[in-house]
Amino acid sequence: VVELFSRVAREIPADSGDAPVWDLSGLLLEGQPVSRSTLITWLNVAYKLSYAEEYESSTNVKPTTATAAELVQLLTFADAVGSTKGLVQAVVSYIEGLDDIHIVVSVAGTDKVLLLDSTSYQLQQTAAAILVQRHGSRTVFKIPHESLTSFVEAVAGQIEQMLYITSKLQLRPLHSKVQGFVTANEANYTFEFTLFSDDDGDGDVLFSIDVLSNTVYSPRVLELLQYTPEAAKGAWIRRLLEGKSV
């Protein structure tokens, strides 16, 4: 079954007539080893395509949510082992069947959770801490002032990974979902390229221009999105001539 759905597995030479060994011990995905849950999920998808049953069935309730980090590893693994288009699409269907995807960042030993959807989060400065709030809603959680930069960078890093792998595999609906999170949490800019601050007390946005430029839209993401300085300049000029903010 593995050889049916993985180009890399099909290319593994057999030793002395024995079955090839699929050794994943040296494979790193975004700097991390392949987790057991990633491998089992991939195998379950493959077996369901072949036998309409899972490789390793569980009597427990099936997961209905996943973290962005888990999905990045699953999609990156599928790409790294040369999965067939059919299997990649089945993985996407598995992801689309989840109730929600969330970003988890550990701050001072506590997991902080953001929903990966079009929810807009604001950062409210107080004397004691930074309040992370959903737009028009109550406080979701608090983080210490000194943890703000690392928290935002960790969120942006996970978004960058999601943008990269969904762009690489051309998974447009999933890419649009991730982009929706960025759009809902990005800074707005005036013609003078100054950060737009809300006047109604809603708080600061999650992603500043520096975070967007340096972390979210990394060189590898921009390359896959076919960004070039020439294209950016042309878009800037068109918006200028149309009288729009740029």
C-alpha atoms as a PDB file:
ATOM      1  CA  VAL A   1       0.000   0.000   0.000  1.00  0.00           C
ATOM      2  CA  VAL A   2       2.815   2.398   0.857  1.00  0.00           C
ATOM      3  CA  GLU A   3       4.412   1.894  -2.549  1.00  0.00           C
ATOM      4  CA  LEU A   4       1.080   2.574  -4.249  1.00  0.00           C
ATOM      5  CA  PHE A   5       0.890   6.058  -2.799  1.00  0.00           C
ATOM      6  CA  SER A   6       4.511   7.103  -2.252  1.00  0.00           C
ATOM      7  CA  ARG A   7       7.011   7.664  -5.070  1.00  0.00           C
ATOM      8  CA  VAL A   8       9.876   7.665  -2.563  1.00  0.00           C
ATOM      9  CA  ALA A   9       8.816   4.265  -1.185  1.00  0.00           C
ATOM     10  CA  ARG A  10       8.627   2.789  -4.694  1.00  0.00           C
ATOM     11  CA  GLU A  11      12.195   3.891  -5.362  1.00  0.00           C
ATOM     12  CA  ILE A  12      13.675   2.207  -2.267  1.00  0.00           C
ATOM     13  CA  PRO A  13      15.947  -0.658  -3.382  1.00  0.00           C
ATOM     14  CA  ALA A  14      15.343  -4.055  -1.819  1.00  0.00           C
ATOM     15  CA  ASP A  15      18.245  -5.823  -0.075  1.00  0.00           C
ATOM     16  CA  SER A  16      18.862  -9.431  -1.085  1.00  0.00           C
ATOM     17  CA  GLY A  17      15.326  -9.938  -2.264  1.00  0.00           C
ATOM     18  CA  ASP A  18      13.817  -8.791   1.017  1.00  0.00           C
ATOM     19  CA  ALA A  19      11.012  -6.268   1.136  1.00  0.00           C
ATOM     20  CA  PRO A  20      12.258  -2.668   1.100  1.00  0.00           C
ATOM     21  CA  VAL A  21      12.513  -0.939   4.464  1.00  0.00           C
ATOM     22  CA  TRP A  22      10.812   2.462   4.705  1.00  0.00           C
ATOM     23  CA  ASP A  23      13.175   4.151   7.160  1.00  0.00           C
ATOM     24  CA  LEU A  24      11.937   7.585   8.217  1.00  0.00           C
ATOM     25  CA  SER A  25      14.369   8.068  11.104  1.00  0.00           C
ATOM     26  CA  GLY A  26      16.456  10.618   9.219  1.00  0.00           C
ATOM     27  CA  LEU A  27      13.573  12.579   7.719  1.00  0.00           C
ATOM     28  CA  LEU A  28      13.071  16.045   9.189  1.00  0.00           C
ATOM     29  CA  LEU A  29       9.988  18.134   8.464  1.00  0.00           C
ATOM     30  CA  GLU A  30      10.433  21.836   9.191  1.00  0.00           C
ATOM     31  CA  GLY A  31      13.311  20.746  11.433  1.00  0.00           C
ATOM     32  CA  GLN A  32      11.225  18.176  13.331  1.00  0.00           C
ATOM     33  CA  PRO A  33      11.268  14.357  13.109  1.00  0.00           C
ATOM     34  CA  VAL A  34       8.209  12.599  11.731  1.00  0.00           C
ATOM     35  CA  SER A  35       5.726  12.082  14.544  1.00  0.00           C
ATOM     36  CA  ARG A  36       3.870   8.832  14.994  1.00  0.00           C
ATOM     37  CA  SER A  37       0.520  10.598  14.646  1.00  0.00           C
ATOM     38  CA  THR A  38       1.578  12.048  11.273  1.00  0.00           C
ATOM     39  CA  LEU A  39       2.616   8.647   9.953  1.00  0.00           C
ATOM     40  CA  ILE A  40      -0.529   6.922  11.235  1.00  0.00           C
ATOM     41  CA  THR A  41      -2.784   9.581   9.731  1.00  0.00           C
ATOM     42  CA  TRP A  42      -1.035   9.239   6.352  1.00  0.00           C
ATOM     43  CA  LEU A  43      -1.300   5.431   6.507  1.00  0.00           C
ATOM     44  CA  ASN A  44      -4.962   5.583   7.543  1.00  0.00           C
ATOM     45  CA  VAL A  45      -5.742   7.779   4.544  1.00  0.00           C
ATOM     46  CA  ALA A  46      -3.828   5.427   2.233  1.00  0.00           C
ATOM     47  CA  TYR A  47      -5.511   2.300   3.592  1.00  0.00           C
ATOM     48  CA  LYS A  48      -8.967   3.857   3.360  1.00  0.00           C
ATOM     49  CA  LEU A  49      -8.328   4.575  -0.305  1.00  0.00           C
ATOM     50  CA  SER A  50      -7.282   0.956  -0.880  1.00  0.00           C
ATOM     51  CA  TYR A  51      -9.401  -1.071   1.513  1.00  0.00           C
ATOM     52  CA  ALA A  52     -12.063   1.362   2.785  1.00  0.00           C
ATOM     53  CA  GLU A  53     -10.700   0.834   6.295  1.00  0.00           C
ATOM     54  CA  GLU A  54      -7.964   2.396   8.361  1.00  0.00           C
ATOM     55  CA  TYR A  55      -4.469   1.064   8.937  1.00  0.00           C
ATOM     56  CA  GLU A  56      -4.785   1.538  12.662  1.00  0.00           C
ATOM     57  CA  SER A  57      -8.358   1.878  13.810  1.00  0.00           C
ATOM     58  CA  SER A  58      -9.076   3.388  17.185  1.00  0.00           C
ATOM     59  CA  THR A  59     -12.003   2.725  19.470  1.00  0.00           C
ATOM     60  CA  ASN A  60     -11.649   6.278  20.756  1.00  0.00           C
ATOM     61  CA  VAL A  61     -13.607   9.183  19.358  1.00  0.00           C
ATOM     62  CA  LYS A  62     -12.034  10.380  16.122  1.00  0.00           C
ATOM     63  CA  PRO A  63     -10.292  13.755  16.329  1.00  0.00           C
ATOM     64  CA  THR A  64     -12.424  16.645  15.151  1.00  0.00           C
ATOM     65  CA  THR A  65      -9.813  19.349  15.629  1.00  0.00           C
ATOM     66  CA  ALA A  66      -6.117  19.724  14.856  1.00  0.00           C
ATOM     67  CA  THR A  67      -3.357  22.221  15.382  1.00  0.00           C
ATOM     68  CA  ALA A  68      -1.736  24.125  12.543  1.00  0.00           C
ATOM     69  CA  ALA A  69       1.590  22.532  13.481  1.00  0.00           C
ATOM     70  CA  GLU A  70       0.102  19.033  13.124  1.00  0.00           C
ATOM     71  CA  LEU A  71      -1.345  19.825   9.707  1.00  0.00           C
ATOM     72  CA  VAL A  72       1.888  21.430   8.511  1.00  0.00           C
ATOM     73  CA  GLN A  73       3.736  18.246   9.381  1.00  0.00           C
ATOM     74  CA  LEU A  74       1.094  16.029   7.754  1.00  0.00           C
ATOM     75  CA  LEU A  75       1.093  18.000   4.498  1.00  0.00           C
ATOM     76  CA  THR A  76       4.884  18.379   4.499  1.00  0.00           C
ATOM     77  CA  PHE A  77       5.248  14.633   5.025  1.00  0.00           C
ATOM     78  CA  ALA A  78       2.847  13.899   2.181  1.00  0.00           C
ATOM     79  CA  ASP A  79       4.954  16.145  -0.035  1.00  0.00           C
ATOM     80  CA  ALA A  80       8.313  14.789   1.162  1.00  0.00           C
ATOM     81  CA  VAL A  81       7.463  11.146   0.394  1.00  0.00           C
ATOM     82  CA  GLY A  82       6.115  11.944  -3.060  1.00  0.00           C
ATOM     83  CA  SER A  83       2.473  11.183  -2.345  1.00  0.00           C
ATOM     84  CA  THR A  84       0.142  10.727  -5.285  1.00  0.00           C
ATOM     85  CA  LYS A  85      -2.342  13.464  -6.150  1.00  0.00           C
ATOM     86  CA  GLY A  86      -5.161  11.193  -5.036  1.00  0.00           C
ATOM     87  CA  LEU A  87      -3.659  10.690  -1.614  1.00  0.00           C
ATOM     88  CA  VAL A  88      -2.905  14.394  -1.174  1.00  0.00           C
ATOM     89  CA  GLN A  89      -6.510  15.178  -2.050  1.00  0.00           C
ATOM     90  CA  ALA A  90      -7.675  12.560   0.459  1.00  0.00           C
ATOM     91  CA  VAL A  91      -5.493  14.217   3.108  1.00  0.00           C
ATOM     92  CA  VAL A  92      -7.082  17.561   2.234  1.00  0.00           C
ATOM     93  CA  SER A  93     -10.539  15.988   2.564  1.00  0.00           C
ATOM     94  CA  TYR A  94      -9.534  14.727   6.001  1.00  0.00           C
ATOM     95  CA  ILE A  95      -8.472  18.265   6.956  1.00  0.00           C
ATOM     96  CA  GLU A  96     -11.659  19.796   5.557  1.00  0.00           C
ATOM     97  CA  GLY A  97     -13.655  17.350   7.681  1.00  0.00           C
ATOM     98  CA  LEU A  98     -12.213  18.775  10.888  1.00  0.00           C
ATOM     99  CA  ASP A  99     -14.443  21.066  12.919  1.00  0.00           C
ATOM    100  CA  ASP A 100     -11.668  23.557  13.460  1.00  0.00           C
ATOM    101  CA  ILE A 101      -7.952  24.198  13.143  1.00  0.00           C
ATOM    102  CA  HIS A 102      -6.168  26.129  15.829  1.00  0.00           C
ATOM    103  CA  ILE A 103      -2.788  27.703  16.427  1.00  0.00           C
ATOM    104  CA  VAL A 104      -1.158  26.780  19.709  1.00  0.00           C
ATOM    105  CA  VAL A 105       1.693  28.793  21.200  1.00  0.00           C
ATOM    106  CA  SER A 106       3.232  28.083  24.583  1.00  0.00           C
ATOM    107  CA  VAL A 107       3.696  31.208  26.719  1.00  0.00           C
ATOM    108  CA  ALA A 108       5.296  30.853  30.151  1.00  0.00           C
ATOM    109  CA  GLY A 109       4.444  27.151  30.183  1.00  0.00           C
ATOM    110  CA  THR A 110       0.786  27.651  29.237  1.00  0.00           C
ATOM    111  CA  ASP A 111      -0.724  26.909  25.820  1.00  0.00           C
ATOM    112  CA  LYS A 112      -2.451  29.866  24.196  1.00  0.00           C
ATOM    113  CA  VAL A 113      -4.931  28.995  21.444  1.00  0.00           C
ATOM    114  CA  LEU A 114      -6.110  31.012  18.437  1.00  0.00           C
ATOM    115  CA  LEU A 115      -8.668  29.761  15.927  1.00  0.00           C
ATOM    116  CA  LEU A 116      -7.320  29.534  12.379  1.00  0.00           C
ATOM    117  CA  ASP A 117     -10.235  31.188  10.642  1.00  0.00           C
ATOM    118  CA  SER A 118     -11.264  34.731   9.764  1.00  0.00           C
ATOM    119  CA  THR A 119     -11.465  35.751  13.424  1.00  0.00           C
ATOM    120  CA  SER A 120      -9.841  39.119  14.093  1.00  0.00           C
ATOM    121  CA  TYR A 121      -7.778  39.367  17.278  1.00  0.00           C
ATOM    122  CA  GLN A 122      -6.799  42.600  19.014  1.00  0.00           C
ATOM    123  CA  LEU A 123      -3.986  43.246  21.454  1.00  0.00           C
ATOM    124  CA  GLN A 124      -5.048  45.476  24.332  1.00  0.00           C
ATOM    125  CA  GLN A 125      -2.284  47.053  26.393  1.00  0.00           C
ATOM    126  CA  THR A 126      -2.855  47.170  30.151  1.00  0.00           C
ATOM    127  CA  ALA A 127      -0.498  47.887  33.001  1.00  0.00           C
ATOM    128  CA  ALA A 128      -0.474  44.258  34.083  1.00  0.00           C
ATOM    129  CA  ALA A 129      -0.458  42.341  30.779  1.00  0.00           C
ATOM    130  CA  ILE A 130      -1.427  42.194  27.110  1.00  0.00           C
ATOM    131  CA  LEU A 131      -5.044  41.157  26.617  1.00  0.00           C
ATOM    132  CA  VAL A 132      -5.684  39.089  23.493  1.00  0.00           C
ATOM    133  CA  GLN A 133      -9.291  39.622  22.466  1.00  0.00           C
ATOM    134  CA  ARG A 134     -11.553  38.538  19.647  1.00  0.00           C
ATOM    135  CA  HIS A 135     -12.904  41.571  17.838  1.00  0.00           C
ATOM    136  CA  GLY A 136     -16.018  42.775  19.591  1.00  0.00           C
ATOM    137  CA  SER A 137     -15.809  40.021  22.162  1.00  0.00           C
ATOM    138  CA  ARG A 138     -14.350  39.312  25.566  1.00  0.00           C
ATOM    139  CA  THR A 139     -10.709  38.631  26.395  1.00  0.00           C
ATOM    140  CA  VAL A 140      -9.508  35.240  25.208  1.00  0.00           C
ATOM    141  CA  PHE A 141      -6.332  35.143  27.283  1.00  0.00           C
ATOM    142  CA  LYS A 142      -3.562  37.281  28.715  1.00  0.00           C
ATOM    143  CA  ILE A 143       0.162  37.265  28.030  1.00  0.00           C
ATOM    144  CA  PRO A 144       2.994  39.063  29.838  1.00  0.00           C
ATOM    145  CA  HIS A 145       4.375  42.193  28.203  1.00  0.00           C
ATOM    146  CA  GLU A 146       7.789  40.594  27.814  1.00  0.00           C
ATOM    147  CA  SER A 147       6.285  37.639  25.901  1.00  0.00           C
ATOM    148  CA  LEU A 148       4.445  39.681  23.276  1.00  0.00           C
ATOM    149  CA  THR A 149       7.160  39.678  20.599  1.00  0.00           C
ATOM    150  CA  SER A 150       7.897  35.955  20.886  1.00  0.00           C
ATOM    151  CA  PHE A 151       4.159  35.154  20.928  1.00  0.00           C
ATOM    152  CA  VAL A 152       3.428  37.111  17.752  1.00  0.00           C
ATOM    153  CA  GLU A 153       6.503  35.693  16.006  1.00  0.00           C
ATOM    154  CA  ALA A 154       5.458  32.145  16.933  1.00  0.00           C
ATOM    155  CA  VAL A 155       1.963  32.694  15.510  1.00  0.00           C
ATOM    156  CA  ALA A 156       3.416  34.277  12.370  1.00  0.00           C
ATOM    157  CA  GLY A 157       5.880  31.408  11.980  1.00  0.00           C
ATOM    158  CA  GLN A 158       3.115  28.821  11.957  1.00  0.00           C
ATOM    159  CA  ILE A 159       1.130  30.882   9.465  1.00  0.00           C
ATOM    160  CA  GLU A 160       4.210  31.121   7.220  1.00  0.00           C
ATOM    161  CA  GLN A 161       4.571  27.344   7.248  1.00  0.00           C
ATOM    162  CA  MET A 162       0.890  26.893   6.363  1.00  0.00           C
ATOM    163  CA  LEU A 163       1.100  29.437   3.532  1.00  0.00           C
ATOM    164  CA  TYR A 164       4.215  27.751   2.178  1.00  0.00           C
ATOM    165  CA  ILE A 165       3.016  24.154   2.103  1.00  0.00           C
ATOM    166  CA  THR A 166      -0.488  25.001   0.850  1.00  0.00           C
ATOM    167  CA  SER A 167       1.058  27.100  -1.918  1.00  0.00           C
ATOM    168  CA  LYS A 168       3.579  24.411  -2.815  1.00  0.00           C
ATOM    169  CA  LEU A 169       0.891  21.736  -3.067  1.00  0.00           C
ATOM    170  CA  GLN A 170      -1.519  24.191  -4.721  1.00  0.00           C
ATOM    171  CA  LEU A 171      -4.235  23.605  -2.140  1.00  0.00           C
ATOM    172  CA  ARG A 172      -6.240  26.712  -2.918  1.00  0.00           C
ATOM    173  CA  PRO A 173      -9.211  26.349  -0.518  1.00  0.00           C
ATOM    174  CA  LEU A 174      -6.928  25.599   2.423  1.00  0.00           C
ATOM    175  CA  HIS A 175      -4.524  28.355   1.370  1.00  0.00           C
ATOM    176  CA  SER A 176      -7.451  30.788   1.231  1.00  0.00           C
ATOM    177  CA  LYS A 177      -8.454  29.785   4.754  1.00  0.00           C
ATOM    178  CA  VAL A 178      -4.967  30.601   6.044  1.00  0.00           C
ATOM    179  CA  GLN A 179      -4.857  33.819   4.043  1.00  0.00           C
ATOM    180  CA  GLY A 180      -8.207  34.752   5.575  1.00  0.00           C
ATOM    181  CA  PHE A 181      -6.612  34.638   9.018  1.00  0.00           C
ATOM    182  CA  VAL A 182      -3.793  36.913   7.833  1.00  0.00           C
ATOM    183  CA  THR A 183      -6.217  39.370   6.232  1.00  0.00           C
ATOM    184  CA  ALA A 184      -8.315  39.536   9.393  1.00  0.00           C
ATOM    185  CA  ASN A 185      -5.260  40.246  11.534  1.00  0.00           C
ATOM    186  CA  GLU A 186      -3.059  42.440   9.381  1.00  0.00           C
ATOM    187  CA  ALA A 187      -2.215  46.093   9.723  1.00  0.00           C
ATOM    188  CA  ASN A 188      -3.811  48.651   7.397  1.00  0.00           C
ATOM    189  CA  TYR A 189      -1.680  51.309   5.826  1.00  0.00           C
ATOM    190  CA  THR A 190      -2.188  54.787   4.477  1.00  0.00           C
ATOM    191  CA  PHE A 191      -0.538  56.200   1.371  1.00  0.00           C
ATOM    192  CA  GLU A 192       2.420  57.362   3.491  1.00  0.00           C
ATOM    193  CA  PHE A 193       3.025  53.762   4.599  1.00  0.00           C
ATOM    194  CA  THR A 194       2.329  54.584   8.238  1.00  0.00           C
ATOM    195  CA  LEU A 195       0.684  52.093  10.529  1.00  0.00           C
ATOM    196  CA  PHE A 196      -3.021  52.775  10.872  1.00  0.00           C
ATOM    197  CA  SER A 197      -4.048  52.826  14.522  1.00  0.00           C
ATOM    198  CA  ASP A 198      -7.646  52.253  15.497  1.00  0.00           C
ATOM    199  CA  ASP A 199      -9.317  55.308  17.002  1.00  0.00           C
ATOM    200  CA  ASP A 200     -12.162  53.418  18.607  1.00  0.00           C
ATOM    201  CA  GLY A 201     -10.107  51.674  21.280  1.00  0.00           C
ATOM    202  CA  ASP A 202     -10.269  48.228  19.709  1.00  0.00           C
ATOM    203  CA  GLY A 203      -6.543  47.707  20.246  1.00  0.00           C
ATOM    204  CA  ASP A 204      -3.592  46.872  18.057  1.00  0.00           C
ATOM    205  CA  VAL A 205      -3.694  44.320  15.272  1.00  0.00           C
ATOM    206  CA  LEU A 206      -1.850  41.029  15.604  1.00  0.00           C
ATOM    207  CA  PHE A 207       0.465  41.397  12.580  1.00  0.00           C
ATOM    208  CA  SER A 208       2.460  44.595  12.048  1.00  0.00           C
ATOM    209  CA  ILE A 209       4.118  45.462   8.764  1.00  0.00           C
ATOM    210  CA  ASP A 210       7.447  44.178  10.068  1.00  0.00           C
ATOM    211  CA  VAL A 211       5.955  40.807  11.014  1.00  0.00           C
ATOM    212  CA  LEU A 212       4.160  40.513   7.685  1.00  0.00           C
ATOM    213  CA  SER A 213       7.270  41.427   5.704  1.00  0.00           C
ATOM    214  CA  ASN A 214       9.883  39.529   7.687  1.00  0.00           C
ATOM    215  CA  THR A 215       8.047  36.421   8.893  1.00  0.00           C
ATOM    216  CA  VAL A 216       4.638  35.739   7.337  1.00  0.00           C
ATOM    217  CA  TYR A 217       5.593  36.483   3.746  1.00  0.00           C
ATOM    218  CA  SER A 218       9.029  34.898   3.776  1.00  0.00           C
ATOM    219  CA  PRO A 219      11.179  34.639   0.631  1.00  0.00           C
ATOM    220  CA  ARG A 220      10.075  31.042   0.041  1.00  0.00           C
ATOM    221  CA  VAL A 221       6.378  31.990   0.316  1.00  0.00           C
ATOM    222  CA  LEU A 222       6.810  34.970  -1.989  1.00  0.00           C
ATOM    223  CA  GLU A 223       8.625  32.795  -4.511  1.00  0.00           C
ATOM    224  CA  LEU A 224       5.741  30.326  -4.635  1.00  0.00           C
ATOM    225  CA  LEU A 225       3.282  33.209  -4.935  1.00  0.00           C
ATOM    226  CA  GLN A 226       5.340  34.386  -7.929  1.00  0.00           C
ATOM    227  CA  TYR A 227       6.212  37.679  -6.287  1.00  0.00           C
ATOM    228  CA  THR A 228       8.870  39.798  -7.976  1.00  0.00           C
ATOM    229  CA  PRO A 229       9.965  43.384  -7.291  1.00  0.00           C
ATOM    230  CA  GLU A 230       8.807  44.272 -10.796  1.00  0.00           C
ATOM    231  CA  ALA A 231       5.327  42.898 -10.191  1.00  0.00           C
ATOM    232  CA  ALA A 232       5.123  44.690  -6.843  1.00  0.00           C
ATOM    233  CA  LYS A 233       6.149  47.978  -8.427  1.00  0.00           C
ATOM    234  CA  GLY A 234       3.540  47.579 -11.160  1.00  0.00           C
ATOM    235  CA  ALA A 235       0.802  46.858  -8.632  1.00  0.00           C
ATOM    236  CA  TRP A 236       1.844  49.876  -6.572  1.00  0.00           C
ATOM    237  CA  ILE A 237       1.687  52.171  -9.593  1.00  0.00           C
ATOM    238  CA  ARG A 238      -1.729  50.833 -10.638  1.00  0.00           C
ATOM    239  CA  ARG A 239      -3.159  51.453  -7.168  1.00  0.00           C
ATOM    240  CA  LEU A 240      -1.630  54.933  -7.139  1.00  0.00           C
ATOM    241  CA  LEU A 241      -3.199  55.811 -10.489  1.00  0.00           C
ATOM    242  CA  GLU A 242      -6.544  54.476  -9.291  1.00  0.00           C
ATOM    243  CA  GLY A 243      -6.363  56.781  -6.297  1.00  0.00           C
ATOM    244  CA  LYS A 244      -6.305  53.949  -3.799  1.00  0.00           C
ATOM    245  CA  SER A 245      -4.267  53.657  -0.601  1.00  0.00           C
ATOM    246  CA  VAL A 246      -1.071  51.665  -1.071  1.00  0.00           C
END
